[in-house]
Amino acid sequence: MATGPAAADGLARETVFRTAARDRVWVLFDQAVSPGGYAYLFVLDGWGTMGCAVTRHFKGIDGFARSCEERFDAIEPLRKENVRTAYSYMNFTINNDRKWSNPPTEAPLLAGEAGGYQDYLFGLGIRRAFETGRLAARRLLGEGVIVETEKQKDRQAASLVGRFLYESSGNAGLARFARQAARKDFRDYLMAWQRPSAVRRLMLPLVRLAWDRRGPCSHRPPDHWCRRRPITAPPPLGETFD
């Protein structure tokens, strides 16, 4: 099953437009205007994308997006044409242990965000979708995938701990994050945050306890952990026109 997300664990509002402005890649970290998330502005070859992603206060997404746009315009105003706006959301869960059952059982045939496979730290899930889709196909062919599925879960756990640190550190922590990133190769720095480690494994039970949902949810995996949050309906997916 690869049906995409079933519940909103993160929400983004994204605007695509035409512009004559110069190329750029800007990212804004500020918990006041993108709580639990970040904003971004990309311009390449006359096309621009401005987005605001949050993991809290979903009902305020339109106001947060306007505030982020004002922050970017304060740096350098952009003239936008053919503006189109859309919403998207992401799922994150951690499947509970199956490898110690008797006999061991394989993971369900869920790929991508239908199975909660997502980098919860930065919301980057395309690679996870391909990897878990490949595992589901191998299982359909009768191959064993328990070991590789457990590796996926380790990555999920690392990104959950990273997400907890990201949200709990506030803007002071984000400032330290930016300073450290400026002194290193940015790609390597981001990858290090996503790798499983002994410290993250020690922190995982505490994070799961602090954020654990006790009650029903809309996620598809049959036996999983997911984050406690108020039940709110995200805006309809798809495209709207300004």
Protein backbone atom coordinates (compact mmCIF):
# COMPACT_ATOMS: atom_id res chain seq x y z
CA MET A 1 0.00 0.00 0.00
CA ALA A 2 1.47 3.35 -1.06
CA THR A 3 -1.45 5.71 -0.60
CA GLY A 4 0.43 8.59 0.98
CA PRO A 5 -0.26 10.25 4.36
CA ALA A 6 -3.49 9.59 6.24
CA ALA A 7 -3.06 12.11 9.07
CA ALA A 8 -1.21 15.38 9.53
CA ASP A 9 1.96 15.17 11.64
CA GLY A 10 3.42 18.13 9.76
CA LEU A 11 1.75 20.69 7.49
CA ALA A 12 3.17 22.90 4.74
CA ARG A 13 1.76 25.77 2.70
CA GLU A 14 3.68 26.27 -0.54
CA THR A 15 3.43 28.99 -3.18
CA VAL A 16 4.84 28.60 -6.70
CA PHE A 17 5.26 31.61 -8.97
CA ARG A 18 7.07 33.12 -11.92
CA THR A 19 9.64 35.83 -11.22
CA ALA A 20 12.46 37.76 -12.85
CA ALA A 21 14.44 37.77 -9.59
CA ARG A 22 17.92 36.30 -9.29
CA ASP A 23 18.42 32.66 -8.30
CA ARG A 24 18.62 31.92 -4.56
CA VAL A 25 18.12 29.30 -1.86
CA TRP A 26 17.04 30.80 1.46
CA VAL A 27 15.89 28.98 4.60
CA LEU A 28 14.35 30.74 7.61
CA PHE A 29 14.51 29.17 11.08
CA ASP A 30 12.24 31.00 13.55
CA GLN A 31 9.84 29.25 15.91
CA ALA A 32 7.70 32.41 16.11
CA VAL A 33 6.66 32.27 12.45
CA SER A 34 7.11 28.56 11.66
CA PRO A 35 6.50 26.67 14.95
CA GLY A 36 8.33 23.37 14.95
CA GLY A 37 9.34 23.85 11.32
CA TYR A 38 10.99 26.30 8.95
CA ALA A 39 10.33 28.45 5.90
CA TYR A 40 12.11 28.43 2.55
CA LEU A 41 12.42 30.47 -0.62
CA PHE A 42 13.91 28.95 -3.77
CA VAL A 43 14.32 30.76 -7.10
CA LEU A 44 15.78 29.02 -10.16
CA ASP A 45 15.53 29.97 -13.83
CA GLY A 46 12.52 32.24 -13.40
CA TRP A 47 10.53 29.90 -11.15
CA GLY A 48 10.11 30.53 -7.43
CA THR A 49 8.84 28.41 -4.54
CA MET A 50 8.06 29.86 -1.12
CA GLY A 51 6.97 27.52 1.64
CA CYS A 52 6.20 27.43 5.34
CA ALA A 53 6.24 24.09 7.19
CA VAL A 54 5.00 23.60 10.77
CA THR A 55 4.46 20.73 13.19
CA ARG A 56 2.22 22.67 15.61
CA HIS A 57 -0.70 25.12 15.45
CA PHE A 58 -1.94 23.90 12.08
CA LYS A 59 -4.94 26.24 12.07
CA GLY A 60 -2.57 29.20 11.88
CA ILE A 61 -0.70 28.04 8.77
CA ASP A 62 -1.96 30.86 6.53
CA GLY A 63 -0.92 33.54 9.02
CA PHE A 64 2.46 31.90 9.55
CA ALA A 65 3.03 31.74 5.79
CA ARG A 66 2.22 35.45 5.41
CA SER A 67 4.64 36.32 8.22
CA CYS A 68 7.38 34.26 6.56
CA GLU A 69 6.74 35.99 3.23
CA GLU A 70 7.04 39.38 4.95
CA ARG A 71 10.36 38.31 6.48
CA PHE A 72 11.72 37.29 3.09
CA ASP A 73 10.40 40.48 1.44
CA ALA A 74 12.11 42.56 4.14
CA ILE A 75 15.43 41.13 2.94
CA GLU A 76 14.67 41.57 -0.76
CA PRO A 77 11.18 42.10 -2.24
CA LEU A 78 10.15 39.79 -5.07
CA ARG A 79 7.70 40.52 -7.85
CA LYS A 80 5.57 37.40 -8.28
CA GLU A 81 3.39 36.43 -11.25
CA ASN A 82 1.09 33.45 -11.92
CA VAL A 83 0.97 32.66 -8.22
CA ARG A 84 -0.37 29.26 -7.19
CA THR A 85 -0.72 28.03 -3.61
CA ALA A 86 -1.18 24.49 -2.28
CA TYR A 87 -1.05 22.59 1.01
CA SER A 88 0.59 19.29 1.81
CA TYR A 89 1.08 17.25 4.95
CA MET A 90 3.27 14.42 6.14
CA ASN A 91 2.95 11.31 8.31
CA PHE A 92 5.39 9.95 10.87
CA THR A 93 5.05 6.75 12.90
CA ILE A 94 7.36 4.07 14.27
CA ASN A 95 6.24 0.48 13.75
CA ASN A 96 6.41 -1.59 16.92
CA ASP A 97 8.77 -4.56 17.20
CA ARG A 98 7.97 -7.72 15.27
CA LYS A 99 11.36 -9.39 15.11
CA TRP A 100 10.98 -11.09 18.52
CA SER A 101 7.61 -12.64 17.74
CA ASN A 102 7.48 -16.43 17.33
CA PRO A 103 7.92 -16.94 14.46
CA PRO A 104 9.33 -13.55 13.38
CA THR A 105 6.96 -11.67 11.12
CA GLU A 106 7.71 -9.28 8.32
CA ALA A 107 6.66 -5.64 8.21
CA PRO A 108 3.29 -4.92 6.61
CA LEU A 109 3.15 -4.08 2.92
CA LEU A 110 3.15 -0.33 3.48
CA ALA A 111 5.49 1.97 1.58
CA GLY A 112 6.39 5.62 2.07
CA GLU A 113 4.18 7.75 4.28
CA ALA A 114 1.37 5.18 4.23
CA GLY A 115 3.68 3.25 6.57
CA GLY A 116 4.86 6.36 8.41
CA TYR A 117 8.29 6.22 6.74
CA GLN A 118 9.45 9.81 6.84
CA ASP A 119 12.41 11.82 8.06
CA TYR A 120 10.65 13.55 10.95
CA LEU A 121 13.50 15.98 11.60
CA PHE A 122 13.36 17.87 8.30
CA GLY A 123 10.40 16.25 6.55
CA LEU A 124 12.38 14.76 3.67
CA GLY A 125 10.69 11.53 2.64
CA ILE A 126 11.28 10.79 -1.04
CA ARG A 127 14.27 8.51 -0.43
CA ARG A 128 12.37 6.65 2.29
CA ALA A 129 9.46 6.15 -0.11
CA PHE A 130 11.73 4.55 -2.72
CA GLU A 131 13.52 2.38 -0.16
CA THR A 132 10.36 1.12 1.53
CA GLY A 133 8.67 0.58 -1.84
CA ARG A 134 11.58 -1.66 -2.81
CA LEU A 135 11.25 -3.59 0.47
CA ALA A 136 7.52 -4.09 -0.09
CA ALA A 137 8.17 -5.38 -3.61
CA ARG A 138 10.81 -7.81 -2.33
CA ARG A 139 8.40 -9.12 0.26
CA LEU A 140 5.76 -9.68 -2.42
CA LEU A 141 8.38 -11.80 -4.20
CA GLY A 142 8.81 -13.90 -1.07
CA GLU A 143 12.14 -12.44 0.08
CA GLY A 144 12.95 -11.75 3.74
CA VAL A 145 13.31 -8.08 4.64
CA ILE A 146 13.31 -8.08 8.45
CA VAL A 147 16.91 -6.84 8.80
CA GLU A 148 16.47 -3.99 6.32
CA THR A 149 13.12 -3.05 7.85
CA GLU A 150 14.78 -2.75 11.26
CA LYS A 151 17.38 -0.42 9.74
CA GLN A 152 14.56 1.78 8.47
CA LYS A 153 13.10 1.85 11.96
CA ASP A 154 16.46 2.86 13.44
CA ARG A 155 16.50 5.83 11.07
CA GLN A 156 12.95 6.69 12.07
CA ALA A 157 13.97 6.64 15.72
CA ALA A 158 16.98 8.88 15.08
CA SER A 159 14.84 11.42 13.25
CA LEU A 160 12.27 11.39 16.09
CA VAL A 161 14.94 12.26 18.66
CA GLY A 162 16.31 14.92 16.32
CA ARG A 163 12.81 16.37 15.95
CA PHE A 164 12.39 16.50 19.74
CA LEU A 165 15.71 18.35 20.12
CA TYR A 166 14.81 20.70 17.25
CA GLU A 167 11.48 21.72 18.78
CA SER A 168 12.57 21.87 22.42
CA SER A 169 15.73 23.93 21.87
CA GLY A 170 13.87 27.06 20.69
CA ASN A 171 15.43 29.84 18.67
CA ALA A 172 18.58 29.79 20.82
CA GLY A 173 19.18 26.18 19.82
CA LEU A 174 18.43 26.97 16.18
CA ALA A 175 21.01 29.76 16.30
CA ARG A 176 23.63 27.27 17.54
CA PHE A 177 22.54 24.86 14.81
CA ALA A 178 23.08 27.55 12.14
CA ARG A 179 26.48 28.57 13.53
CA GLN A 180 27.71 24.97 13.56
CA ALA A 181 26.39 24.38 10.04
CA ALA A 182 28.26 27.43 8.76
CA ARG A 183 31.58 25.90 9.86
CA LYS A 184 31.05 22.51 8.19
CA ASP A 185 29.96 20.93 4.95
CA PHE A 186 26.20 21.51 5.19
CA ARG A 187 25.22 18.21 3.57
CA ASP A 188 27.47 16.18 5.88
CA TYR A 189 26.19 18.16 8.87
CA LEU A 190 22.55 17.39 8.05
CA MET A 191 23.31 13.71 7.40
CA ALA A 192 24.99 13.44 10.81
CA TRP A 193 21.75 14.56 12.47
CA GLN A 194 19.91 11.71 10.75
CA ARG A 195 22.26 8.86 11.66
CA PRO A 196 21.41 6.48 14.52
CA SER A 197 23.78 6.80 17.49
CA ALA A 198 24.17 5.50 21.04
CA VAL A 199 23.02 8.83 22.50
CA ARG A 200 19.89 8.91 20.35
CA ARG A 201 19.06 5.30 21.27
CA LEU A 202 19.32 6.23 24.97
CA MET A 203 17.06 9.25 24.47
CA LEU A 204 14.44 7.42 22.41
CA PRO A 205 12.40 5.89 25.30
CA LEU A 206 12.15 9.30 27.00
CA VAL A 207 11.04 11.02 23.81
CA ARG A 208 8.47 8.32 23.08
CA LEU A 209 7.10 8.63 26.60
CA ALA A 210 6.92 12.43 26.45
CA TRP A 211 5.10 12.51 23.10
CA ASP A 212 3.19 9.22 23.20
CA ARG A 213 -0.41 9.26 21.96
CA ARG A 214 -2.85 7.30 24.12
CA GLY A 215 -5.94 6.81 22.05
CA PRO A 216 -7.14 6.35 18.47
CA CYS A 217 -5.46 7.94 15.47
CA SER A 218 -5.80 7.99 11.68
CA HIS A 219 -2.45 6.41 10.79
CA ARG A 220 -2.53 3.24 8.69
CA PRO A 221 0.12 0.95 10.28
CA PRO A 222 -1.73 -1.54 12.51
CA ASP A 223 0.72 -1.58 15.45
CA HIS A 224 2.76 1.60 15.84
CA TRP A 225 3.85 4.54 17.96
CA CYS A 226 2.71 8.04 17.00
CA ARG A 227 2.91 11.49 18.51
CA ARG A 228 0.30 12.95 20.83
CA ARG A 229 -1.28 16.11 19.41
CA PRO A 230 -4.66 17.84 19.30
CA ILE A 231 -6.91 16.43 16.58
CA THR A 232 -7.21 19.11 13.91
CA ALA A 233 -8.26 18.91 10.29
CA PRO A 234 -5.61 20.23 7.88
CA PRO A 235 -6.66 22.35 4.89
CA PRO A 236 -7.73 20.38 1.81
CA LEU A 237 -4.83 19.13 -0.26
CA GLY A 238 -4.28 20.32 -3.79
CA GLU A 239 -4.09 23.62 -5.54
CA THR A 240 -5.77 26.95 -4.95
CA PHE A 241 -5.33 30.15 -6.90
CA ASP A 242 -4.62 33.57 -5.43
